[in-house]
Amino acid sequence: MARTALLAGATGLVGSALLPRLLDSPDYERVIVLARRQVPQRHVKLEVVETALDDLDPLSSKLAVDDVFCCLGTTTEKAGGQAGLERVDYHMVVDLARSTQAAGAKQFLVVSAAGASLRSPVFYSRVKARMEQTVARAGFATIHIVRPSLLLGKRADARPYEAIAQRAAPLLGLACVGPLRKYRPISAEMVATTLVTLATQPAVGVKIHELPLLPGGSAAV
């Protein structure tokens, strides 16, 4: 039976790659996008709901979907500091998870980051780990957490340090072998494809996936 998908973060690097895949998928008859502004795509399946994502209560009828795809994320610089990053990468993600679960959504898929850990010396990694732990307790039948490393692709916004890292990606990939494989740079297109693949496979519980995805490479929490 065809399902309804909800996507938050459709204008970001992964979200912009994911949206056309959801629209093309025969598994979804409707795709609802929560966004601050209109997206360029036009499609008979697509409904765009303009929202700042800071108050989801008025949108409860739009949140009654089957699968939720969360691609929200920012940087400390873009967010204006650590508090701004935490607001987007933790609070907005957690609010979305809680609100959609309360509305009846069954499955939540979220983009985290390689190296997410509460013990990390990196603030960003600690925020991602806290987000993962809180989302895992949101009550969904199925939760998929994907942990990409450096994302490859052309962003709409300028991120100078990331652009330098992307140019060094081939060397980084060669250096990341064995246990370090999860830190290999990965294209946003591959992350988007992985999300759709995971969403359309039967699974129950909380699953954490290091990327690139390998058979048996995910671990239940």
Protein backbone atom coordinates (compact mmCIF):
# COMPACT_ATOMS: atom_id res chain seq x y z
CA MET A 1 0.00 0.00 0.00
CA ALA A 2 1.34 3.42 -1.00
CA ARG A 3 2.39 5.61 1.91
CA THR A 4 2.85 9.27 2.79
CA ALA A 5 6.33 10.64 3.46
CA LEU A 6 7.25 13.81 5.30
CA LEU A 7 10.60 15.51 4.66
CA ALA A 8 12.24 18.23 6.77
CA GLY A 9 15.43 19.79 5.46
CA ALA A 10 14.57 19.53 1.77
CA THR A 11 16.78 22.46 0.75
CA GLY A 12 19.97 21.05 2.30
CA LEU A 13 22.54 18.87 0.59
CA VAL A 14 21.02 15.50 1.52
CA GLY A 15 17.42 16.73 1.54
CA SER A 16 17.64 18.16 -1.97
CA ALA A 17 18.95 14.81 -3.21
CA LEU A 18 16.32 12.90 -1.27
CA LEU A 19 13.23 14.81 -2.42
CA PRO A 20 13.26 13.68 -6.09
CA ARG A 21 13.85 10.10 -4.96
CA LEU A 22 10.79 10.21 -2.75
CA LEU A 23 8.72 11.75 -5.54
CA ASP A 24 9.87 9.05 -7.97
CA SER A 25 9.30 6.19 -5.54
CA PRO A 26 6.20 4.05 -6.17
CA ASP A 27 6.08 3.41 -2.41
CA TYR A 28 4.86 6.95 -1.74
CA GLU A 29 1.64 8.47 -3.03
CA ARG A 30 2.19 11.77 -1.15
CA VAL A 31 5.29 13.70 -0.10
CA ILE A 32 4.89 16.55 2.37
CA VAL A 33 7.81 18.95 2.75
CA LEU A 34 8.24 21.23 5.74
CA ALA A 35 10.37 24.18 4.65
CA ARG A 36 11.04 27.82 5.39
CA ARG A 37 10.48 28.63 1.72
CA GLN A 38 9.11 27.06 -1.43
CA VAL A 39 11.21 24.38 -3.09
CA PRO A 40 11.87 24.46 -6.85
CA GLN A 41 10.28 21.07 -7.57
CA ARG A 42 6.72 20.77 -8.84
CA HIS A 43 5.02 17.38 -8.70
CA VAL A 44 1.52 15.99 -8.38
CA LYS A 45 2.60 14.11 -5.21
CA LEU A 46 4.25 17.13 -3.58
CA GLU A 47 2.80 19.40 -0.91
CA VAL A 48 5.02 22.11 0.57
CA VAL A 49 4.15 23.50 3.99
CA GLU A 50 6.02 26.70 4.79
CA THR A 51 7.11 26.76 8.42
CA ALA A 52 10.05 27.89 10.54
CA LEU A 53 9.80 24.55 12.41
CA ASP A 54 9.72 26.36 15.74
CA ASP A 55 6.05 25.55 16.46
CA LEU A 56 4.64 22.35 14.99
CA ASP A 57 1.38 22.25 16.98
CA PRO A 58 -0.69 24.06 14.30
CA LEU A 59 0.54 21.52 11.72
CA SER A 60 -0.69 18.39 13.49
CA SER A 61 -2.92 17.34 10.58
CA LYS A 62 0.06 17.50 8.19
CA LEU A 63 2.22 15.40 10.52
CA ALA A 64 -0.04 12.34 10.35
CA VAL A 65 2.18 10.50 7.87
CA ASP A 66 3.77 7.08 7.58
CA ASP A 67 7.50 7.82 7.24
CA VAL A 68 9.39 10.89 8.46
CA PHE A 69 12.72 11.83 6.88
CA CYS A 70 14.72 14.38 8.89
CA CYS A 71 17.67 16.00 7.12
CA LEU A 72 17.93 19.07 9.33
CA GLY A 73 21.39 20.29 10.14
CA THR A 74 23.60 23.36 10.24
CA THR A 75 27.07 24.50 11.27
CA THR A 76 28.18 26.50 14.30
CA GLU A 77 29.24 29.38 12.05
CA LYS A 78 26.01 29.48 10.07
CA ALA A 79 23.89 29.14 13.22
CA GLY A 80 25.72 32.01 14.94
CA GLY A 81 27.25 29.91 17.69
CA GLN A 82 26.84 26.70 19.65
CA ALA A 83 23.38 27.60 20.94
CA GLY A 84 22.15 28.10 17.38
CA LEU A 85 23.59 24.79 16.25
CA GLU A 86 21.97 23.00 19.19
CA ARG A 87 18.64 24.63 18.38
CA VAL A 88 18.64 23.15 14.85
CA ASP A 89 20.53 19.87 15.24
CA TYR A 90 18.98 18.88 18.55
CA HIS A 91 15.81 20.76 19.46
CA MET A 92 14.25 20.99 15.99
CA VAL A 93 14.99 17.34 15.26
CA VAL A 94 13.65 16.16 18.60
CA ASP A 95 10.53 18.35 18.33
CA LEU A 96 9.86 16.92 14.87
CA ALA A 97 10.25 13.36 16.13
CA ARG A 98 7.95 13.86 19.11
CA SER A 99 5.31 15.75 17.13
CA THR A 100 5.14 13.30 14.23
CA GLN A 101 5.08 10.29 16.56
CA ALA A 102 2.21 11.84 18.48
CA ALA A 103 0.38 12.39 15.17
CA GLY A 104 0.71 8.71 14.30
CA ALA A 105 3.87 8.36 12.22
CA LYS A 106 5.39 4.88 12.41
CA GLN A 107 8.91 5.35 11.06
CA PHE A 108 11.54 8.05 11.60
CA LEU A 109 14.75 8.33 9.56
CA VAL A 110 17.32 10.94 10.56
CA VAL A 111 20.73 12.06 9.34
CA SER A 112 23.28 12.21 12.15
CA ALA A 113 27.07 12.18 11.75
CA ALA A 114 30.02 9.80 11.88
CA GLY A 115 31.71 9.89 15.25
CA ALA A 116 28.64 11.00 17.19
CA SER A 117 29.47 10.39 20.86
CA LEU A 118 28.59 11.89 24.21
CA ARG A 119 32.28 11.63 25.11
CA SER A 120 33.54 13.41 22.01
CA PRO A 121 35.68 16.54 22.54
CA VAL A 122 33.78 18.04 19.58
CA PHE A 123 30.60 19.92 20.50
CA TYR A 124 28.91 19.05 17.19
CA SER A 125 29.46 15.32 17.77
CA ARG A 126 28.09 15.53 21.30
CA VAL A 127 24.95 17.31 20.07
CA LYS A 128 24.40 14.62 17.45
CA ALA A 129 24.80 11.89 20.07
CA ARG A 130 22.27 13.55 22.38
CA MET A 131 19.86 13.87 19.48
CA GLU A 132 20.25 10.17 18.67
CA GLN A 133 19.55 9.14 22.27
CA THR A 134 16.47 11.32 22.60
CA VAL A 135 15.01 10.34 19.21
CA ALA A 136 15.59 6.67 20.06
CA ARG A 137 13.14 7.10 22.97
CA ALA A 138 10.45 8.86 20.91
CA GLY A 139 8.30 5.75 20.60
CA PHE A 140 8.40 4.98 16.87
CA ALA A 141 8.00 1.40 15.70
CA THR A 142 11.10 1.90 13.55
CA ILE A 143 13.93 4.43 13.73
CA HIS A 144 16.85 4.56 11.30
CA ILE A 145 19.81 6.77 12.23
CA VAL A 146 22.39 7.19 9.47
CA ARG A 147 25.87 8.51 10.23
CA PRO A 148 27.58 9.92 7.15
CA SER A 149 31.04 11.43 7.33
CA LEU A 150 32.07 14.38 5.13
CA LEU A 151 29.26 14.97 2.63
CA LEU A 152 30.21 15.42 -1.00
CA GLY A 153 28.10 17.59 -3.27
CA LYS A 154 27.46 21.15 -4.32
CA ARG A 155 25.80 23.24 -1.63
CA ALA A 156 23.66 26.29 -2.21
CA ASP A 157 25.40 28.05 0.68
CA ALA A 158 29.14 28.64 0.87
CA ARG A 159 31.10 26.55 3.39
CA PRO A 160 34.79 27.33 2.73
CA TYR A 161 36.30 24.78 5.13
CA GLU A 162 34.04 22.03 3.83
CA ALA A 163 34.92 22.96 0.24
CA ILE A 164 38.61 22.49 1.05
CA ALA A 165 37.86 19.13 2.66
CA GLN A 166 35.86 18.04 -0.39
CA ARG A 167 38.86 18.72 -2.62
CA ALA A 168 40.93 16.48 -0.34
CA ALA A 169 38.23 13.78 -0.31
CA PRO A 170 40.03 11.28 -2.59
CA LEU A 171 43.04 11.20 -0.24
CA LEU A 172 40.81 11.02 2.82
CA GLY A 173 39.00 8.07 1.31
CA LEU A 174 42.24 6.17 0.73
CA ALA A 175 43.33 6.80 4.32
CA CYS A 176 40.07 5.57 5.86
CA VAL A 177 40.36 1.80 5.85
CA GLY A 178 39.37 -0.91 8.31
CA PRO A 179 37.73 0.58 11.43
CA LEU A 180 38.14 4.05 9.90
CA ARG A 181 35.99 3.17 6.89
CA LYS A 182 33.00 4.96 8.39
CA TYR A 183 34.91 8.25 8.10
CA ARG A 184 35.23 8.03 4.31
CA PRO A 185 33.66 10.99 2.50
CA ILE A 186 30.30 10.06 0.97
CA SER A 187 28.11 11.73 -1.63
CA ALA A 188 24.81 13.25 -0.56
CA GLU A 189 23.24 11.29 -3.42
CA MET A 190 24.36 8.00 -1.83
CA VAL A 191 23.03 9.04 1.57
CA ALA A 192 19.67 9.91 0.00
CA THR A 193 19.51 6.57 -1.80
CA THR A 194 20.35 4.78 1.45
CA LEU A 195 17.52 6.53 3.28
CA VAL A 196 14.94 5.45 0.70
CA THR A 197 16.32 1.89 0.72
CA LEU A 198 16.10 1.68 4.51
CA ALA A 199 12.61 3.16 4.61
CA THR A 200 11.22 0.56 2.21
CA GLN A 201 12.73 -2.48 3.94
CA PRO A 202 11.00 -4.20 6.85
CA ALA A 203 12.62 -3.38 10.20
CA VAL A 204 11.60 -2.93 13.82
CA GLY A 205 13.38 -1.03 16.56
CA VAL A 206 16.21 1.51 16.56
CA LYS A 207 18.93 0.95 13.96
CA ILE A 208 22.17 2.91 13.65
CA HIS A 209 23.88 2.74 10.28
CA GLU A 210 27.48 3.66 9.60
CA LEU A 211 27.96 4.69 5.97
CA PRO A 212 28.56 3.57 3.33
CA LEU A 213 26.01 0.89 4.14
CA LEU A 214 27.26 -2.68 4.13
CA PRO A 215 25.31 -5.93 4.57
CA GLY A 216 25.06 -6.48 8.29
CA GLY A 217 26.68 -3.10 8.91
CA SER A 218 23.95 -1.68 11.10
CA ALA A 219 23.60 -2.10 14.82
CA ALA A 220 20.50 -2.08 16.98
CA VAL A 221 20.50 0.14 20.07
